[in-house]
Amino acid sequence: MKYYLALNHGSYEGWELIEIKTPLDGVHQIIHGETYGLEVKILKEVDLLVNDKEEGREMDKLPKEKVEVE
């Protein structure tokens, strides 16, 4: 399972995703000012199973989406 620290650089540059080992690592970076006061989110990558009802088939793990953990 992968976790990411997402930093919002604004409307021009957008979000930067930095892979972290655990959510606690992300909190540590925020507390110690390594996020430069930017808006931050901690994200968890999940596998997504899509059921295509029109075709009657399943498409496994397409696409991988980032889901916000609150």
PDB file of N, CA and C in Angstrom:
ATOM      1  N   MET A   1       0.837  -1.161   0.000  1.00  0.00           N
ATOM      2  CA  MET A   1       0.000   0.000   0.000  1.00  0.00           C
ATOM      3  C   MET A   1       0.893   1.237   0.000  1.00  0.00           C
ATOM      4  N   LYS A   2       0.579   2.193  -0.859  1.00  0.00           N
ATOM      5  CA  LYS A   2       1.394   3.398  -0.965  1.00  0.00           C
ATOM      6  C   LYS A   2       0.647   4.593  -0.392  1.00  0.00           C
ATOM      7  N   TYR A   3       1.412   5.492   0.216  1.00  0.00           N
ATOM      8  CA  TYR A   3       0.880   6.743   0.744  1.00  0.00           C
ATOM      9  C   TYR A   3       1.630   7.888   0.086  1.00  0.00           C
ATOM     10  N   TYR A   4       0.945   9.011  -0.055  1.00  0.00           N
ATOM     11  CA  TYR A   4       1.538  10.180  -0.682  1.00  0.00           C
ATOM     12  C   TYR A   4       1.237  11.419   0.140  1.00  0.00           C
ATOM     13  N   LEU A   5       2.206  12.326   0.191  1.00  0.00           N
ATOM     14  CA  LEU A   5       1.994  13.654   0.729  1.00  0.00           C
ATOM     15  C   LEU A   5       1.770  14.545  -0.483  1.00  0.00           C
ATOM     16  N   ALA A   6       0.608  15.152  -0.568  1.00  0.00           N
ATOM     17  CA  ALA A   6       0.264  16.003  -1.706  1.00  0.00           C
ATOM     18  C   ALA A   6       0.432  17.460  -1.298  1.00  0.00           C
ATOM     19  N   LEU A   7       1.203  18.209  -2.087  1.00  0.00           N
ATOM     20  CA  LEU A   7       1.439  19.628  -1.831  1.00  0.00           C
ATOM     21  C   LEU A   7       0.793  20.439  -2.945  1.00  0.00           C
ATOM     22  N   ASN A   8      -0.004  21.437  -2.575  1.00  0.00           N
ATOM     23  CA  ASN A   8      -0.662  22.285  -3.562  1.00  0.00           C
ATOM     24  C   ASN A   8       0.214  23.499  -3.832  1.00  0.00           C
ATOM     25  N   HIS A   9       0.792  23.563  -5.044  1.00  0.00           N
ATOM     26  CA  HIS A   9       1.651  24.680  -5.432  1.00  0.00           C
ATOM     27  C   HIS A   9       0.860  25.795  -6.099  1.00  0.00           C
ATOM     28  N   GLY A  10      -0.444  25.691  -6.114  1.00  0.00           N
ATOM     29  CA  GLY A  10      -1.269  26.748  -6.700  1.00  0.00           C
ATOM     30  C   GLY A  10      -1.810  26.359  -8.058  1.00  0.00           C
ATOM     31  N   SER A  11      -2.570  27.275  -8.643  1.00  0.00           N
ATOM     32  CA  SER A  11      -3.273  26.962  -9.890  1.00  0.00           C
ATOM     33  C   SER A  11      -2.323  26.774 -11.076  1.00  0.00           C
ATOM     34  N   TYR A  12      -1.147  27.368 -11.042  1.00  0.00           N
ATOM     35  CA  TYR A  12      -0.239  27.244 -12.186  1.00  0.00           C
ATOM     36  C   TYR A  12       0.492  25.902 -12.179  1.00  0.00           C
ATOM     37  N   GLU A  13       1.043  25.505 -11.050  1.00  0.00           N
ATOM     38  CA  GLU A  13       1.833  24.269 -10.975  1.00  0.00           C
ATOM     39  C   GLU A  13       1.023  23.062 -10.533  1.00  0.00           C
ATOM     40  N   GLY A  14      -0.046  23.270  -9.780  1.00  0.00           N
ATOM     41  CA  GLY A  14      -0.897  22.164  -9.347  1.00  0.00           C
ATOM     42  C   GLY A  14      -0.324  21.395  -8.168  1.00  0.00           C
ATOM     43  N   TRP A  15      -0.790  20.154  -8.028  1.00  0.00           N
ATOM     44  CA  TRP A  15      -0.430  19.303  -6.896  1.00  0.00           C
ATOM     45  C   TRP A  15       0.819  18.486  -7.189  1.00  0.00           C
ATOM     46  N   GLU A  16       1.706  18.405  -6.214  1.00  0.00           N
ATOM     47  CA  GLU A  16       2.895  17.552  -6.285  1.00  0.00           C
ATOM     48  C   GLU A  16       2.674  16.389  -5.320  1.00  0.00           C
ATOM     49  N   LEU A  17       2.906  15.165  -5.796  1.00  0.00           N
ATOM     50  CA  LEU A  17       2.759  13.985  -4.943  1.00  0.00           C
ATOM     51  C   LEU A  17       4.141  13.472  -4.555  1.00  0.00           C
ATOM     52  N   ILE A  18       4.368  13.341  -3.258  1.00  0.00           N
ATOM     53  CA  ILE A  18       5.626  12.825  -2.731  1.00  0.00           C
ATOM     54  C   ILE A  18       5.310  11.519  -2.017  1.00  0.00           C
ATOM     55  N   GLU A  19       5.934  10.432  -2.446  1.00  0.00           N
ATOM     56  CA  GLU A  19       5.665   9.135  -1.817  1.00  0.00           C
ATOM     57  C   GLU A  19       6.267   9.114  -0.416  1.00  0.00           C
ATOM     58  N   ILE A  20       5.468   8.651   0.558  1.00  0.00           N
ATOM     59  CA  ILE A  20       5.915   8.530   1.941  1.00  0.00           C
ATOM     60  C   ILE A  20       5.645   7.106   2.417  1.00  0.00           C
ATOM     61  N   LYS A  21       6.388   6.665   3.436  1.00  0.00           N
ATOM     62  CA  LYS A  21       6.241   5.285   3.923  1.00  0.00           C
ATOM     63  C   LYS A  21       4.957   5.097   4.723  1.00  0.00           C
ATOM     64  N   THR A  22       4.653   6.054   5.591  1.00  0.00           N
ATOM     65  CA  THR A  22       3.456   5.963   6.431  1.00  0.00           C
ATOM     66  C   THR A  22       2.828   7.352   6.536  1.00  0.00           C
ATOM     67  N   PRO A  23       1.553   7.439   6.889  1.00  0.00           N
ATOM     68  CA  PRO A  23       0.946   8.754   7.107  1.00  0.00           C
ATOM     69  C   PRO A  23       1.672   9.558   8.192  1.00  0.00           C
ATOM     70  N   LEU A  24       2.246   8.869   9.172  1.00  0.00           N
ATOM     71  CA  LEU A  24       2.983   9.560  10.229  1.00  0.00           C
ATOM     72  C   LEU A  24       4.197  10.304   9.667  1.00  0.00           C
ATOM     73  N   ASP A  25       4.845   9.755   8.640  1.00  0.00           N
ATOM     74  CA  ASP A  25       5.958  10.453   7.986  1.00  0.00           C
ATOM     75  C   ASP A  25       5.485  11.773   7.386  1.00  0.00           C
ATOM     76  N   GLY A  26       4.285  11.770   6.806  1.00  0.00           N
ATOM     77  CA  GLY A  26       3.722  12.997   6.241  1.00  0.00           C
ATOM     78  C   GLY A  26       3.442  14.029   7.312  1.00  0.00           C
ATOM     79  N   VAL A  27       2.883  13.579   8.431  1.00  0.00           N
ATOM     80  CA  VAL A  27       2.614  14.488   9.551  1.00  0.00           C
ATOM     81  C   VAL A  27       3.925  15.065  10.074  1.00  0.00           C
ATOM     82  N   HIS A  28       4.960  14.247  10.156  1.00  0.00           N
ATOM     83  CA  HIS A  28       6.281  14.696  10.604  1.00  0.00           C
ATOM     84  C   HIS A  28       6.798  15.813   9.692  1.00  0.00           C
ATOM     85  N   GLN A  29       6.659  15.654   8.375  1.00  0.00           N
ATOM     86  CA  GLN A  29       7.124  16.675   7.432  1.00  0.00           C
ATOM     87  C   GLN A  29       6.337  17.972   7.591  1.00  0.00           C
ATOM     88  N   ILE A  30       5.033  17.862   7.858  1.00  0.00           N
ATOM     89  CA  ILE A  30       4.206  19.054   8.051  1.00  0.00           C
ATOM     90  C   ILE A  30       4.618  19.783   9.329  1.00  0.00           C
ATOM     91  N   ILE A  31       4.788  19.048  10.424  1.00  0.00           N
ATOM     92  CA  ILE A  31       5.133  19.648  11.717  1.00  0.00           C
ATOM     93  C   ILE A  31       6.474  20.363  11.655  1.00  0.00           C
ATOM     94  N   HIS A  32       7.434  19.798  10.957  1.00  0.00           N
ATOM     95  CA  HIS A  32       8.782  20.364  10.903  1.00  0.00           C
ATOM     96  C   HIS A  32       8.958  21.373   9.775  1.00  0.00           C
ATOM     97  N   GLY A  33       7.862  21.822   9.167  1.00  0.00           N
ATOM     98  CA  GLY A  33       7.926  22.910   8.195  1.00  0.00           C
ATOM     99  C   GLY A  33       8.485  22.544   6.844  1.00  0.00           C
ATOM    100  N   GLU A  34       8.533  21.260   6.518  1.00  0.00           N
ATOM    101  CA  GLU A  34       9.101  20.845   5.236  1.00  0.00           C
ATOM    102  C   GLU A  34       8.107  20.995   4.085  1.00  0.00           C
ATOM    103  N   THR A  35       6.899  21.486   4.388  1.00  0.00           N
ATOM    104  CA  THR A  35       5.885  21.677   3.341  1.00  0.00           C
ATOM    105  C   THR A  35       5.750  23.148   2.966  1.00  0.00           C
ATOM    106  N   TYR A  36       6.577  24.014   3.554  1.00  0.00           N
ATOM    107  CA  TYR A  36       6.666  25.427   3.194  1.00  0.00           C
ATOM    108  C   TYR A  36       5.339  26.170   3.314  1.00  0.00           C
ATOM    109  N   GLY A  37       4.467  25.753   4.221  1.00  0.00           N
ATOM    110  CA  GLY A  37       3.201  26.436   4.430  1.00  0.00           C
ATOM    111  C   GLY A  37       2.174  26.218   3.337  1.00  0.00           C
ATOM    112  N   LEU A  38       2.421  25.270   2.442  1.00  0.00           N
ATOM    113  CA  LEU A  38       1.480  24.984   1.359  1.00  0.00           C
ATOM    114  C   LEU A  38       0.309  24.156   1.879  1.00  0.00           C
ATOM    115  N   GLU A  39      -0.799  24.182   1.140  1.00  0.00           N
ATOM    116  CA  GLU A  39      -1.921  23.299   1.457  1.00  0.00           C
ATOM    117  C   GLU A  39      -1.458  21.864   1.240  1.00  0.00           C
ATOM    118  N   VAL A  40      -1.746  20.988   2.180  1.00  0.00           N
ATOM    119  CA  VAL A  40      -1.281  19.602   2.092  1.00  0.00           C
ATOM    120  C   VAL A  40      -2.429  18.629   2.323  1.00  0.00           C
ATOM    121  N   LYS A  41      -2.271  17.434   1.761  1.00  0.00           N
ATOM    122  CA  LYS A  41      -3.182  16.318   1.997  1.00  0.00           C
ATOM    123  C   LYS A  41      -2.343  15.057   2.043  1.00  0.00           C
ATOM    124  N   ILE A  42      -2.785  14.088   2.821  1.00  0.00           N
ATOM    125  CA  ILE A  42      -2.150  12.775   2.836  1.00  0.00           C
ATOM    126  C   ILE A  42      -3.095  11.833   2.107  1.00  0.00           C
ATOM    127  N   LEU A  43      -2.579  11.192   1.063  1.00  0.00           N
ATOM    128  CA  LEU A  43      -3.393  10.335   0.210  1.00  0.00           C
ATOM    129  C   LEU A  43      -2.944   8.887   0.319  1.00  0.00           C
ATOM    130  N   LYS A  44      -3.892   7.985   0.111  1.00  0.00           N
ATOM    131  CA  LYS A  44      -3.609   6.550   0.125  1.00  0.00           C
ATOM    132  C   LYS A  44      -4.024   5.991  -1.230  1.00  0.00           C
ATOM    133  N   GLU A  45      -3.141   5.234  -1.851  1.00  0.00           N
ATOM    134  CA  GLU A  45      -3.449   4.625  -3.144  1.00  0.00           C
ATOM    135  C   GLU A  45      -4.257   3.350  -2.914  1.00  0.00           C
ATOM    136  N   VAL A  46      -5.309   3.194  -3.680  1.00  0.00           N
ATOM    137  CA  VAL A  46      -6.131   1.986  -3.585  1.00  0.00           C
ATOM    138  C   VAL A  46      -6.307   1.388  -4.972  1.00  0.00           C
ATOM    139  N   ASP A  47      -6.484   0.071  -5.018  1.00  0.00           N
ATOM    140  CA  ASP A  47      -6.797  -0.596  -6.276  1.00  0.00           C
ATOM    141  C   ASP A  47      -8.284  -0.422  -6.537  1.00  0.00           C
ATOM    142  N   LEU A  48      -8.623  -0.240  -7.788  1.00  0.00           N
ATOM    143  CA  LEU A  48     -10.002   0.013  -8.165  1.00  0.00           C
ATOM    144  C   LEU A  48     -10.463  -1.066  -9.123  1.00  0.00           C
ATOM    145  N   LEU A  49     -11.593  -1.687  -8.829  1.00  0.00           N
ATOM    146  CA  LEU A  49     -12.180  -2.697  -9.699  1.00  0.00           C
ATOM    147  C   LEU A  49     -13.368  -2.061 -10.408  1.00  0.00           C
ATOM    148  N   VAL A  50     -13.306  -2.017 -11.739  1.00  0.00           N
ATOM    149  CA  VAL A  50     -14.362  -1.393 -12.535  1.00  0.00           C
ATOM    150  C   VAL A  50     -15.171  -2.481 -13.209  1.00  0.00           C
ATOM    151  N   ASN A  51     -16.472  -2.447 -13.025  1.00  0.00           N
ATOM    152  CA  ASN A  51     -17.359  -3.409 -13.666  1.00  0.00           C
ATOM    153  C   ASN A  51     -18.035  -2.712 -14.844  1.00  0.00           C
ATOM    154  N   ASP A  52     -17.698  -3.124 -16.060  1.00  0.00           N
ATOM    155  CA  ASP A  52     -18.268  -2.540 -17.272  1.00  0.00           C
ATOM    156  C   ASP A  52     -19.550  -3.299 -17.595  1.00  0.00           C
ATOM    157  N   LYS A  53     -20.685  -2.765 -17.169  1.00  0.00           N
ATOM    158  CA  LYS A  53     -21.955  -3.469 -17.318  1.00  0.00           C
ATOM    159  C   LYS A  53     -22.395  -3.572 -18.780  1.00  0.00           C
ATOM    160  N   GLU A  54     -22.064  -2.594 -19.593  1.00  0.00           N
ATOM    161  CA  GLU A  54     -22.476  -2.628 -21.003  1.00  0.00           C
ATOM    162  C   GLU A  54     -21.826  -3.788 -21.744  1.00  0.00           C
ATOM    163  N   GLU A  55     -20.569  -4.033 -21.462  1.00  0.00           N
ATOM    164  CA  GLU A  55     -19.835  -5.094 -22.143  1.00  0.00           C
ATOM    165  C   GLU A  55     -19.900  -6.412 -21.379  1.00  0.00           C
ATOM    166  N   GLY A  56     -20.347  -6.363 -20.114  1.00  0.00           N
ATOM    167  CA  GLY A  56     -20.427  -7.573 -19.302  1.00  0.00           C
ATOM    168  C   GLY A  56     -19.075  -8.119 -18.905  1.00  0.00           C
ATOM    169  N   ARG A  57     -18.107  -7.243 -18.685  1.00  0.00           N
ATOM    170  CA  ARG A  57     -16.759  -7.699 -18.315  1.00  0.00           C
ATOM    171  C   ARG A  57     -16.240  -6.847 -17.161  1.00  0.00           C
ATOM    172  N   GLU A  58     -15.220  -7.321 -16.535  1.00  0.00           N
ATOM    173  CA  GLU A  58     -14.582  -6.569 -15.463  1.00  0.00           C
ATOM    174  C   GLU A  58     -13.197  -6.146 -15.918  1.00  0.00           C
ATOM    175  N   MET A  59     -12.859  -4.917 -15.596  1.00  0.00           N
ATOM    176  CA  MET A  59     -11.532  -4.404 -15.915  1.00  0.00           C
ATOM    177  C   MET A  59     -10.829  -4.176 -14.585  1.00  0.00           C
ATOM    178  N   ASP A  60      -9.877  -5.029 -14.249  1.00  0.00           N
ATOM    179  CA  ASP A  60      -9.223  -5.005 -12.950  1.00  0.00           C
ATOM    180  C   ASP A  60      -8.164  -3.909 -12.883  1.00  0.00           C
ATOM    181  N   LYS A  61      -8.237  -3.101 -11.825  1.00  0.00           N
ATOM    182  CA  LYS A  61      -7.224  -2.104 -11.480  1.00  0.00           C
ATOM    183  C   LYS A  61      -7.048  -1.032 -12.546  1.00  0.00           C
ATOM    184  N   LEU A  62      -8.095  -0.643 -13.236  1.00  0.00           N
ATOM    185  CA  LEU A  62      -8.012   0.449 -14.201  1.00  0.00           C
ATOM    186  C   LEU A  62      -9.065   1.477 -13.878  1.00  0.00           C
ATOM    187  N   PRO A  63      -8.769   2.727 -13.793  1.00  0.00           N
ATOM    188  CA  PRO A  63      -7.443   3.282 -13.541  1.00  0.00           C
ATOM    189  C   PRO A  63      -7.145   3.285 -12.051  1.00  0.00           C
ATOM    190  N   LYS A  64      -5.887   3.523 -11.699  1.00  0.00           N
ATOM    191  CA  LYS A  64      -5.566   3.682 -10.279  1.00  0.00           C
ATOM    192  C   LYS A  64      -5.892   5.130  -9.925  1.00  0.00           C
ATOM    193  N   GLU A  65      -6.645   5.291  -8.887  1.00  0.00           N
ATOM    194  CA  GLU A  65      -7.079   6.616  -8.462  1.00  0.00           C
ATOM    195  C   GLU A  65      -6.502   6.901  -7.080  1.00  0.00           C
ATOM    196  N   LYS A  66      -6.295   8.143  -6.802  1.00  0.00           N
ATOM    197  CA  LYS A  66      -5.873   8.563  -5.475  1.00  0.00           C
ATOM    198  C   LYS A  66      -7.127   8.893  -4.679  1.00  0.00           C
ATOM    199  N   VAL A  67      -7.246   8.329  -3.500  1.00  0.00           N
ATOM    200  CA  VAL A  67      -8.417   8.540  -2.662  1.00  0.00           C
ATOM    201  C   VAL A  67      -7.966   9.246  -1.398  1.00  0.00           C
ATOM    202  N   GLU A  68      -8.662  10.309  -1.050  1.00  0.00           N
ATOM    203  CA  GLU A  68      -8.298  11.106   0.101  1.00  0.00           C
ATOM    204  C   GLU A  68      -8.704  10.399   1.392  1.00  0.00           C
ATOM    205  N   VAL A  69      -7.781  10.364   2.349  1.00  0.00           N
ATOM    206  CA  VAL A  69      -8.064   9.772   3.657  1.00  0.00           C
ATOM    207  C   VAL A  69      -8.284  10.913   4.635  1.00  0.00           C
ATOM    208  N   GLU A  70      -9.454  10.958   5.249  1.00  0.00           N
ATOM    209  CA  GLU A  70      -9.741  12.045   6.195  1.00  0.00           C
ATOM    210  C   GLU A  70      -9.916  11.502   7.578  1.00  0.00           C
TER     211      GLU A  70
END
